[in-house]
């Protein structure tokens, strides 16, 4: 179950007062209220609070409003309370934005959907931010441009901020994951010539691509192979290939398959050169993939800008979570300056109704989903895999690093401010290929694997 299941899929049964939430006289009134801009909503709250403070009794308040009218009443109250200023402060956060013009880097894949769509669909503007989302060639470039402060924040693979913080593959710099971008949404895609080789035990000698060494794709592929008795370090080759180049490499016969992000899996099917062997959700249901990432310095030096940016991301993620919005989103992010893919390819990914390359149409509504909560246990699992495959050495403070990098408490606070219902806990257990992971016992989990450098 995703974080958004309860607050975003309400039962639309009508109450005695005539609408689904019980606060309006009819469903039409409910829908009109929902359509109010954020500034209008805050303004109504401030105006109502002011009137209740001046006229605590309902009868007196109604009599005053009837005598002078609502607009005159608000104007009169505004003489003693600066309603517009209070509204602006509430809409903007605890203080003025330190910086409004921002650059956020992204890789052109559907994992970045909330970060990308927040620009053309107005989610950044709603938070008084002018954000330029910058299409970037690969993950190392994203990392370096963010570390060099060419980008204020970035779309990153969810393990990357852990690696950056620990100095794995780069100089150590404190980095954070304020929000997860997407869950599920990846697949193992094989070249058409392998359509009769569905048993992973027959894959010895295969050449696979993953987007980056520090990626969920790398860890999920290695996990899947090892569970089938294939040693990913000796029985196959795994190389890092930027997502936009994966389909071309498969077409050129440079790789036999990839565990990659969409829309690359669906594009391989669309082009007739590959088929979807397995969705990543069938390895780990609800797994994280990409994240919204920012440096610790950005958060501490620009707290109000950071909060506004995260509010925009959380709002966009909530919108993307709703199935009825997916076609609209596909149209917004398909153009050349974003994903540069046929809209039908993006639609198949986001709606979960897709051709699998083997002659079937699959219907998997949660093939890709969006849930921003950065569970600390996600980070602990990633650290166990980084340790398992030799990316980090020595003793690891699993819980400490997870809490430092994955800002679950920040997400809880800001989600509450947005009227959402975040999880009460910051960690949880889950299963990967039927094996339960307890984040409180990472060393035991790691020691349980027969294949891996750390075993």
Protein backbone atom coordinates (compact mmCIF):
# COMPACT_ATOMS: atom_id res chain seq x y z
CA UNK A 1 0.00 0.00 0.00
CA UNK A 2 1.35 3.41 -0.89
CA UNK A 3 1.46 6.41 1.41
CA UNK A 4 -1.23 8.03 -0.69
CA UNK A 5 -3.77 5.19 -0.62
CA UNK A 6 -5.86 6.68 2.18
CA UNK A 7 -5.73 10.46 1.57
CA UNK A 8 -5.95 10.31 -2.20
CA UNK A 9 -8.53 7.64 -2.85
CA UNK A 10 -11.43 8.70 -0.63
CA UNK A 11 -14.73 6.86 -0.76
CA UNK A 12 -17.11 9.19 -2.55
CA UNK A 13 -20.19 8.30 -0.52
CA UNK A 14 -22.34 11.34 0.20
CA UNK A 15 -22.84 12.38 3.80
CA UNK A 16 -25.91 13.96 5.33
CA UNK A 17 -24.55 17.37 4.29
CA UNK A 18 -24.52 16.43 0.65
CA UNK A 19 -20.89 15.85 -0.40
CA UNK A 20 -18.15 13.27 0.06
CA UNK A 21 -16.26 15.23 2.75
CA UNK A 22 -19.37 16.42 4.58
CA UNK A 23 -18.38 20.09 4.47
CA UNK A 24 -20.41 21.27 1.48
CA UNK A 25 -24.03 21.33 0.46
CA UNK A 26 -23.48 19.37 -2.72
CA UNK A 27 -20.82 17.49 -4.65
CA UNK A 28 -20.63 20.42 -7.08
CA UNK A 29 -19.78 22.77 -4.20
CA UNK A 30 -17.15 20.28 -3.02
CA UNK A 31 -15.53 20.24 -6.48
CA UNK A 32 -15.56 24.03 -6.74
CA UNK A 33 -13.86 24.29 -3.34
CA UNK A 34 -11.24 21.76 -4.38
CA UNK A 35 -10.44 23.86 -7.42
CA UNK A 36 -9.55 26.98 -5.43
CA UNK A 37 -5.95 28.08 -5.73
CA UNK A 38 -3.71 27.64 -2.70
CA UNK A 39 -3.67 31.38 -2.07
CA UNK A 40 -7.47 31.47 -2.10
CA UNK A 41 -7.67 28.53 0.28
CA UNK A 42 -5.28 30.16 2.74
CA UNK A 43 -7.14 33.46 2.35
CA UNK A 44 -10.46 31.85 3.26
CA UNK A 45 -8.86 30.24 6.31
CA UNK A 46 -7.38 33.54 7.51
CA UNK A 47 -10.58 35.47 6.87
CA UNK A 48 -12.67 32.88 8.69
CA UNK A 49 -10.31 32.78 11.67
CA UNK A 50 -10.37 36.57 11.94
CA UNK A 51 -14.15 36.72 11.87
CA UNK A 52 -14.44 34.00 14.51
CA UNK A 53 -12.00 35.87 16.72
CA UNK A 54 -13.99 39.11 16.49
CA UNK A 55 -17.41 37.41 16.74
CA UNK A 56 -16.97 34.21 18.79
CA UNK A 57 -20.74 33.60 18.80
CA UNK A 58 -22.25 32.23 15.60
CA UNK A 59 -25.36 34.41 15.89
CA UNK A 60 -23.40 37.67 16.18
CA UNK A 61 -21.15 36.74 13.29
CA UNK A 62 -24.08 35.87 11.04
CA UNK A 63 -25.89 39.08 11.95
CA UNK A 64 -22.85 41.21 11.13
CA UNK A 65 -22.29 39.46 7.79
CA UNK A 66 -25.97 39.83 6.91
CA UNK A 67 -25.94 43.54 7.77
CA UNK A 68 -22.82 44.61 5.84
CA UNK A 69 -22.10 41.77 3.40
CA UNK A 70 -19.10 39.44 3.23
CA UNK A 71 -16.85 41.69 1.13
CA UNK A 72 -17.41 44.73 3.37
CA UNK A 73 -16.80 42.58 6.45
CA UNK A 74 -13.47 41.33 5.09
CA UNK A 75 -12.45 44.89 4.16
CA UNK A 76 -13.27 46.08 7.68
CA UNK A 77 -11.32 43.26 9.30
CA UNK A 78 -8.38 43.98 6.99
CA UNK A 79 -8.05 47.41 8.59
CA UNK A 80 -6.88 45.78 11.82
CA UNK A 81 -5.41 42.52 10.47
CA UNK A 82 -3.24 42.45 7.30
CA UNK A 83 -5.03 39.43 5.81
CA UNK A 84 -3.12 39.48 2.52
CA UNK A 85 0.23 39.46 4.31
CA UNK A 86 -0.79 36.63 6.62
CA UNK A 87 -2.10 34.65 3.65
CA UNK A 88 1.14 35.14 1.73
CA UNK A 89 3.20 34.01 4.73
CA UNK A 90 1.10 30.89 5.15
CA UNK A 91 1.22 30.01 1.47
CA UNK A 92 4.94 30.59 1.29
CA UNK A 93 6.04 28.97 4.52
CA UNK A 94 7.69 30.16 7.69
CA UNK A 95 9.74 32.90 6.01
CA UNK A 96 10.63 34.60 2.76
CA UNK A 97 12.23 32.53 0.04
CA UNK A 98 16.00 32.94 0.00
CA UNK A 99 16.11 32.16 -3.72
CA UNK A 100 13.34 31.91 -6.29
CA UNK A 101 15.26 31.08 -9.47
CA UNK A 102 16.47 27.48 -9.30
CA UNK A 103 17.96 24.85 -11.58
CA UNK A 104 17.05 21.21 -11.03
CA UNK A 105 18.76 18.55 -13.15
CA UNK A 106 16.96 15.44 -14.40
CA UNK A 107 17.56 12.37 -16.54
CA UNK A 108 14.84 11.89 -19.22
CA UNK A 109 13.06 8.88 -17.73
CA UNK A 110 9.59 8.41 -16.24
CA UNK A 111 11.10 8.04 -12.76
CA UNK A 112 11.56 11.83 -12.82
CA UNK A 113 7.88 12.43 -13.58
CA UNK A 114 7.05 14.60 -10.52
CA UNK A 115 10.19 16.74 -10.92
CA UNK A 116 9.57 17.23 -14.66
CA UNK A 117 5.80 17.74 -14.66
CA UNK A 118 6.01 20.25 -11.82
CA UNK A 119 7.41 22.74 -14.35
CA UNK A 120 4.88 22.67 -17.22
CA UNK A 121 1.95 21.92 -14.89
CA UNK A 122 2.59 24.82 -12.52
CA UNK A 123 3.52 23.10 -9.25
CA UNK A 124 6.72 25.13 -8.83
CA UNK A 125 4.96 28.35 -9.74
CA UNK A 126 2.32 27.62 -7.13
CA UNK A 127 5.10 27.77 -4.52
CA UNK A 128 6.39 31.10 -5.94
CA UNK A 129 9.42 29.36 -7.46
CA UNK A 130 10.88 29.81 -10.93
CA UNK A 131 12.44 26.40 -11.58
CA UNK A 132 14.31 25.45 -14.73
CA UNK A 133 14.39 21.66 -15.08
CA UNK A 134 17.52 20.79 -17.03
CA UNK A 135 17.76 17.59 -19.08
CA UNK A 136 21.10 15.93 -18.35
CA UNK A 137 23.05 13.22 -20.17
CA UNK A 138 23.88 10.76 -17.37
CA UNK A 139 24.08 10.10 -13.67
CA UNK A 140 27.75 10.99 -13.23
CA UNK A 141 27.02 14.34 -14.88
CA UNK A 142 24.01 14.89 -12.58
CA UNK A 143 26.22 14.12 -9.58
CA UNK A 144 29.07 16.37 -10.65
CA UNK A 145 26.90 19.34 -11.66
CA UNK A 146 25.04 19.14 -8.36
CA UNK A 147 28.25 18.86 -6.34
CA UNK A 148 29.65 21.85 -8.27
CA UNK A 149 26.43 23.78 -7.46
CA UNK A 150 25.51 24.24 -11.09
CA UNK A 151 22.22 22.63 -10.03
CA UNK A 152 20.45 23.61 -6.82
CA UNK A 153 18.92 20.15 -6.50
CA UNK A 154 18.50 17.12 -8.72
CA UNK A 155 16.73 13.98 -9.74
CA UNK A 156 19.04 11.19 -8.54
CA UNK A 157 18.99 7.43 -8.23
CA UNK A 158 17.94 6.75 -4.64
CA UNK A 159 21.27 5.14 -3.59
CA UNK A 160 23.36 8.02 -4.98
CA UNK A 161 23.00 10.42 -2.01
CA UNK A 162 24.06 7.55 0.28
CA UNK A 163 27.15 6.93 -1.85
CA UNK A 164 27.96 10.66 -2.08
CA UNK A 165 27.60 11.10 1.69
CA UNK A 166 29.89 8.13 2.36
CA UNK A 167 32.43 9.06 -0.31
CA UNK A 168 31.79 5.96 -2.43
CA UNK A 169 32.72 6.86 -6.00
CA UNK A 170 33.24 10.54 -5.16
CA UNK A 171 34.53 12.82 -2.43
CA UNK A 172 32.30 12.61 0.68
CA UNK A 173 29.71 15.40 0.78
CA UNK A 174 26.66 15.33 3.09
CA UNK A 175 23.67 14.70 0.82
CA UNK A 176 20.00 14.06 1.44
CA UNK A 177 16.87 12.40 0.08
CA UNK A 178 13.94 14.60 1.12
CA UNK A 179 11.53 12.65 -1.11
CA UNK A 180 11.32 9.48 -3.18
CA UNK A 181 10.23 10.17 -6.74
CA UNK A 182 8.84 6.85 -7.87
CA UNK A 183 8.22 3.31 -6.75
CA UNK A 184 8.24 0.31 -9.11
CA UNK A 185 8.49 1.45 -12.74
CA UNK A 186 11.50 -0.59 -13.94
CA UNK A 187 11.86 -3.90 -15.81
CA UNK A 188 14.25 -6.52 -17.09
CA UNK A 189 14.14 -6.26 -20.86
CA UNK A 190 15.83 -8.83 -23.11
CA UNK A 191 16.68 -8.72 -26.80
CA UNK A 192 14.16 -10.51 -29.02
CA UNK A 193 16.73 -13.18 -29.91
CA UNK A 194 16.44 -14.41 -26.30
CA UNK A 195 12.65 -14.82 -26.24
CA UNK A 196 13.07 -18.56 -25.65
CA UNK A 197 15.56 -18.06 -22.79
CA UNK A 198 13.24 -17.13 -19.97
CA UNK A 199 15.08 -19.13 -17.30
CA UNK A 200 17.80 -16.94 -15.73
CA UNK A 201 19.93 -20.03 -15.21
CA UNK A 202 20.48 -19.98 -18.99
CA UNK A 203 21.88 -16.45 -18.94
CA UNK A 204 25.52 -17.24 -18.23
CA UNK A 205 27.68 -15.11 -20.52
CA UNK A 206 24.99 -12.46 -21.02
CA UNK A 207 25.95 -8.78 -21.15
CA UNK A 208 23.58 -6.57 -19.15
CA UNK A 209 23.25 -2.80 -18.79
CA UNK A 210 22.18 -0.86 -15.72
CA UNK A 211 22.01 2.95 -15.49
CA UNK A 212 24.73 3.40 -12.84
CA UNK A 213 26.77 1.41 -10.34
CA UNK A 214 24.96 3.06 -7.42
CA UNK A 215 21.43 2.30 -8.56
CA UNK A 216 18.46 0.20 -7.51
CA UNK A 217 18.67 -1.30 -11.00
CA UNK A 218 22.14 -2.68 -10.29
CA UNK A 219 21.12 -4.05 -6.89
CA UNK A 220 17.81 -5.54 -8.09
CA UNK A 221 19.45 -7.19 -11.11
CA UNK A 222 22.25 -8.62 -8.97
CA UNK A 223 19.72 -9.83 -6.39
CA UNK A 224 17.57 -11.48 -9.06
CA UNK A 225 20.51 -13.19 -10.72
CA UNK A 226 22.01 -14.41 -7.44
CA UNK A 227 18.68 -15.85 -6.32
CA UNK A 228 18.78 -17.98 -9.49
CA UNK A 229 22.33 -19.15 -8.82
CA UNK A 230 24.03 -16.73 -11.24
CA UNK A 231 27.02 -14.86 -9.78
CA UNK A 232 26.70 -11.33 -11.21
CA UNK A 233 30.44 -10.75 -10.89
CA UNK A 234 31.65 -13.89 -12.67
CA UNK A 235 28.82 -15.44 -14.71
CA UNK A 236 27.63 -12.33 -16.57
CA UNK A 237 28.86 -8.85 -17.44
CA UNK A 238 27.10 -5.81 -15.98
CA UNK A 239 28.02 -2.40 -17.35
CA UNK A 240 26.74 1.11 -16.70
CA UNK A 241 24.93 2.65 -19.68
CA UNK A 242 23.02 5.98 -19.57
CA UNK A 243 19.30 5.24 -19.90
CA UNK A 244 18.84 7.15 -23.18
CA UNK A 245 21.50 4.90 -24.77
CA UNK A 246 20.12 1.54 -23.65
CA UNK A 247 17.81 0.86 -26.58
CA UNK A 248 20.49 1.83 -29.11
CA UNK A 249 22.96 -0.53 -27.43
CA UNK A 250 20.44 -3.37 -27.60
CA UNK A 251 19.76 -2.60 -31.27
CA UNK A 252 23.51 -2.69 -31.96
CA UNK A 253 23.77 -6.07 -30.18
CA UNK A 254 26.16 -4.64 -27.59
CA UNK A 255 23.99 -5.96 -24.75
CA UNK A 256 21.67 -8.92 -24.30
CA UNK A 257 19.40 -7.14 -21.87
CA UNK A 258 19.06 -4.42 -19.28
CA UNK A 259 17.36 -3.72 -16.02
CA UNK A 260 16.49 -0.15 -16.73
CA UNK A 261 14.04 2.62 -16.12
CA UNK A 262 11.05 3.33 -18.25
CA UNK A 263 10.31 4.45 -20.86
CA UNK A 264 13.36 2.53 -22.16
CA UNK A 265 11.77 -0.88 -21.57
CA UNK A 266 8.63 0.10 -23.41
CA UNK A 267 10.60 1.87 -26.14
CA UNK A 268 12.50 -1.39 -26.85
CA UNK A 269 9.12 -3.09 -27.30
CA UNK A 270 7.79 -0.20 -29.40
CA UNK A 271 10.83 -0.48 -31.69
CA UNK A 272 10.45 -4.27 -31.93
CA UNK A 273 13.95 -5.06 -30.64
CA UNK A 274 13.17 -6.31 -27.14
CA UNK A 275 10.57 -7.80 -24.81
CA UNK A 276 9.75 -7.28 -21.16
CA UNK A 277 10.91 -10.34 -19.24
CA UNK A 278 9.91 -9.15 -15.77
CA UNK A 279 8.65 -5.99 -14.10
CA UNK A 280 10.77 -4.86 -11.16
CA UNK A 281 7.67 -4.82 -8.95
CA UNK A 282 7.70 -8.62 -9.27
CA UNK A 283 11.10 -8.64 -7.57
CA UNK A 284 10.14 -6.18 -4.84
CA UNK A 285 6.62 -4.76 -4.74
CA UNK A 286 6.77 -1.05 -3.92
CA UNK A 287 10.53 -0.68 -4.19
CA UNK A 288 11.99 2.83 -4.47
CA UNK A 289 13.92 3.84 -7.55
CA UNK A 290 14.70 7.52 -8.02
CA UNK A 291 14.71 10.40 -5.59
CA UNK A 292 14.61 14.15 -5.25
CA UNK A 293 18.06 14.95 -3.85
CA UNK A 294 19.67 18.04 -2.34
CA UNK A 295 22.87 18.79 -0.47
CA UNK A 296 22.80 19.32 3.27
CA UNK A 297 24.21 22.81 2.62
CA UNK A 298 21.25 23.71 0.39
CA UNK A 299 18.81 22.68 3.10
CA UNK A 300 20.58 24.56 5.90
CA UNK A 301 21.44 27.69 3.91
CA UNK A 302 18.06 28.05 2.17
CA UNK A 303 15.51 26.42 4.48
CA UNK A 304 12.47 28.29 3.14
CA UNK A 305 13.38 27.70 -0.50
CA UNK A 306 14.03 24.04 0.32
CA UNK A 307 10.64 23.71 2.02
CA UNK A 308 8.86 25.34 -0.93
CA UNK A 309 10.66 23.11 -3.42
CA UNK A 310 9.81 20.01 -1.43
CA UNK A 311 6.17 21.10 -1.13
CA UNK A 312 6.02 21.40 -4.91
CA UNK A 313 7.52 17.92 -5.33
CA UNK A 314 5.16 16.36 -2.78
CA UNK A 315 2.15 18.02 -4.45
CA UNK A 316 3.25 16.85 -7.89
CA UNK A 317 3.87 13.33 -6.60
CA UNK A 318 0.38 13.25 -5.09
CA UNK A 319 -1.08 14.33 -8.44
CA UNK A 320 0.96 11.71 -10.30
CA UNK A 321 -0.20 8.99 -7.90
CA UNK A 322 -3.78 9.33 -9.16
CA UNK A 323 -4.43 7.01 -12.09
CA UNK A 324 -6.91 9.41 -13.67
CA UNK A 325 -4.14 12.00 -14.15
CA UNK A 326 -1.65 9.75 -15.93
CA UNK A 327 -2.67 10.49 -19.55
CA UNK A 328 -2.53 14.23 -18.91
CA UNK A 329 0.92 13.82 -17.38
CA UNK A 330 2.11 11.70 -20.32
CA UNK A 331 1.18 14.52 -22.70
CA UNK A 332 3.02 17.06 -20.52
CA UNK A 333 6.32 15.18 -20.23
CA UNK A 334 6.59 13.48 -23.66
CA UNK A 335 7.93 16.51 -25.62
CA UNK A 336 11.55 16.83 -26.77
CA UNK A 337 12.64 19.14 -23.96
CA UNK A 338 11.57 16.52 -21.42
CA UNK A 339 11.47 12.79 -22.27
CA UNK A 340 11.53 13.09 -26.09
CA UNK A 341 9.44 9.95 -26.53
CA UNK A 342 6.22 9.08 -28.38
CA UNK A 343 3.30 9.95 -26.13
CA UNK A 344 1.85 6.44 -26.57
CA UNK A 345 5.03 4.95 -25.07
CA UNK A 346 4.74 7.17 -21.98
CA UNK A 347 1.03 6.41 -21.68
CA UNK A 348 1.65 2.66 -21.73
CA UNK A 349 4.16 3.02 -18.89
CA UNK A 350 2.09 5.35 -16.71
CA UNK A 351 -1.31 3.70 -17.23
CA UNK A 352 0.04 0.15 -16.94
CA UNK A 353 -1.75 -1.08 -20.07
CA UNK A 354 1.09 -2.08 -22.33
CA UNK A 355 2.40 -4.43 -25.01
CA UNK A 356 5.00 -6.82 -23.58
CA UNK A 357 6.82 -7.56 -26.84
CA UNK A 358 5.68 -11.18 -26.84
CA UNK A 359 2.29 -10.58 -28.42
CA UNK A 360 0.32 -9.87 -25.26
CA UNK A 361 -1.26 -6.75 -23.80
CA UNK A 362 -0.66 -6.59 -20.07
CA UNK A 363 -2.73 -4.62 -17.58
CA UNK A 364 -0.71 -3.74 -14.47
CA UNK A 365 -2.05 -0.44 -13.07
CA UNK A 366 0.79 -0.10 -10.55
CA UNK A 367 3.55 -0.90 -13.03
CA UNK A 368 4.79 2.59 -12.10
CA UNK A 369 3.66 4.56 -9.09
CA UNK A 370 4.61 7.65 -7.14
CA UNK A 371 4.97 7.91 -3.37
CA UNK A 372 7.28 10.52 -1.83
CA UNK A 373 7.91 9.05 1.61
CA UNK A 374 11.67 8.38 2.10
CA UNK A 375 11.54 5.34 4.35
CA UNK A 376 14.78 5.00 6.31
CA UNK A 377 14.52 1.22 5.87
CA UNK A 378 14.87 1.71 2.10
CA UNK A 379 18.27 3.28 2.76
CA UNK A 380 19.29 0.48 5.14
CA UNK A 381 18.50 -2.13 2.48
CA UNK A 382 20.53 -0.25 -0.14
CA UNK A 383 23.47 -0.06 2.26
CA UNK A 384 23.35 -3.83 2.76
CA UNK A 385 23.60 -4.31 -1.01
CA UNK A 386 26.42 -1.77 -1.33
CA UNK A 387 28.24 -3.76 1.34
CA UNK A 388 27.30 -7.11 -0.27
CA UNK A 389 28.85 -6.18 -3.60
CA UNK A 390 31.97 -4.48 -2.26
CA UNK A 391 31.04 -0.85 -2.89
CA UNK A 392 31.60 0.06 0.75
CA UNK A 393 34.05 -1.50 3.21
CA UNK A 394 34.39 -1.94 6.97
CA UNK A 395 31.82 -1.30 9.66
CA UNK A 396 28.64 0.45 8.53
CA UNK A 397 26.35 2.48 10.77
CA UNK A 398 23.25 1.43 8.85
CA UNK A 399 20.62 3.18 10.96
CA UNK A 400 22.71 6.31 11.53
CA UNK A 401 23.50 6.88 7.85
CA UNK A 402 19.91 6.12 6.84
CA UNK A 403 18.56 8.74 9.26
CA UNK A 404 21.17 11.28 8.18
CA UNK A 405 20.43 10.96 4.46
CA UNK A 406 16.76 9.90 4.20
CA UNK A 407 14.80 12.79 5.71
CA UNK A 408 11.65 10.96 6.73
CA UNK A 409 10.84 13.35 9.57
CA UNK A 410 11.00 16.33 7.20
CA UNK A 411 8.64 14.52 4.84
CA UNK A 412 6.25 13.77 7.69
CA UNK A 413 6.11 17.43 8.71
CA UNK A 414 5.68 18.86 5.22
CA UNK A 415 3.13 16.24 4.20
CA UNK A 416 1.05 17.16 7.25
CA UNK A 417 1.32 20.83 6.28
CA UNK A 418 -0.01 19.89 2.83
CA UNK A 419 -3.01 18.17 4.37
CA UNK A 420 -1.72 14.67 3.67
CA UNK A 421 -1.43 11.74 6.05
CA UNK A 422 2.18 10.52 6.25
CA UNK A 423 3.16 7.23 7.87
CA UNK A 424 3.61 7.46 11.65
CA UNK A 425 6.85 5.45 11.52
CA UNK A 426 10.02 6.13 9.54
CA UNK A 427 11.00 2.49 8.99
CA UNK A 428 9.21 -0.70 8.00
CA UNK A 429 9.84 -4.32 7.03
CA UNK A 430 9.28 -5.57 3.48
CA UNK A 431 10.02 -8.58 1.29
CA UNK A 432 12.35 -8.93 -1.69
CA UNK A 433 11.70 -12.09 -3.72
CA UNK A 434 9.92 -13.60 -0.74
CA UNK A 435 12.74 -12.91 1.73
CA UNK A 436 11.75 -10.62 4.61
CA UNK A 437 14.03 -7.70 5.33
CA UNK A 438 14.12 -6.43 8.91
CA UNK A 439 15.90 -3.04 8.96
CA UNK A 440 16.80 -3.57 12.62
CA UNK A 441 18.93 -6.61 11.70
CA UNK A 442 20.92 -5.66 8.56
CA UNK A 443 24.08 -7.63 9.44
CA UNK A 444 22.11 -10.89 9.80
CA UNK A 445 20.35 -10.23 6.51
CA UNK A 446 23.64 -9.60 4.74
CA UNK A 447 25.22 -12.75 6.18
CA UNK A 448 22.34 -14.88 4.90
CA UNK A 449 23.30 -14.66 1.21
CA UNK A 450 25.43 -17.44 -0.31
CA UNK A 451 26.49 -15.23 -3.24
CA UNK A 452 28.18 -11.88 -2.71
CA UNK A 453 31.58 -10.47 -1.88
CA UNK A 454 30.64 -9.70 1.71
CA UNK A 455 29.47 -13.26 2.42
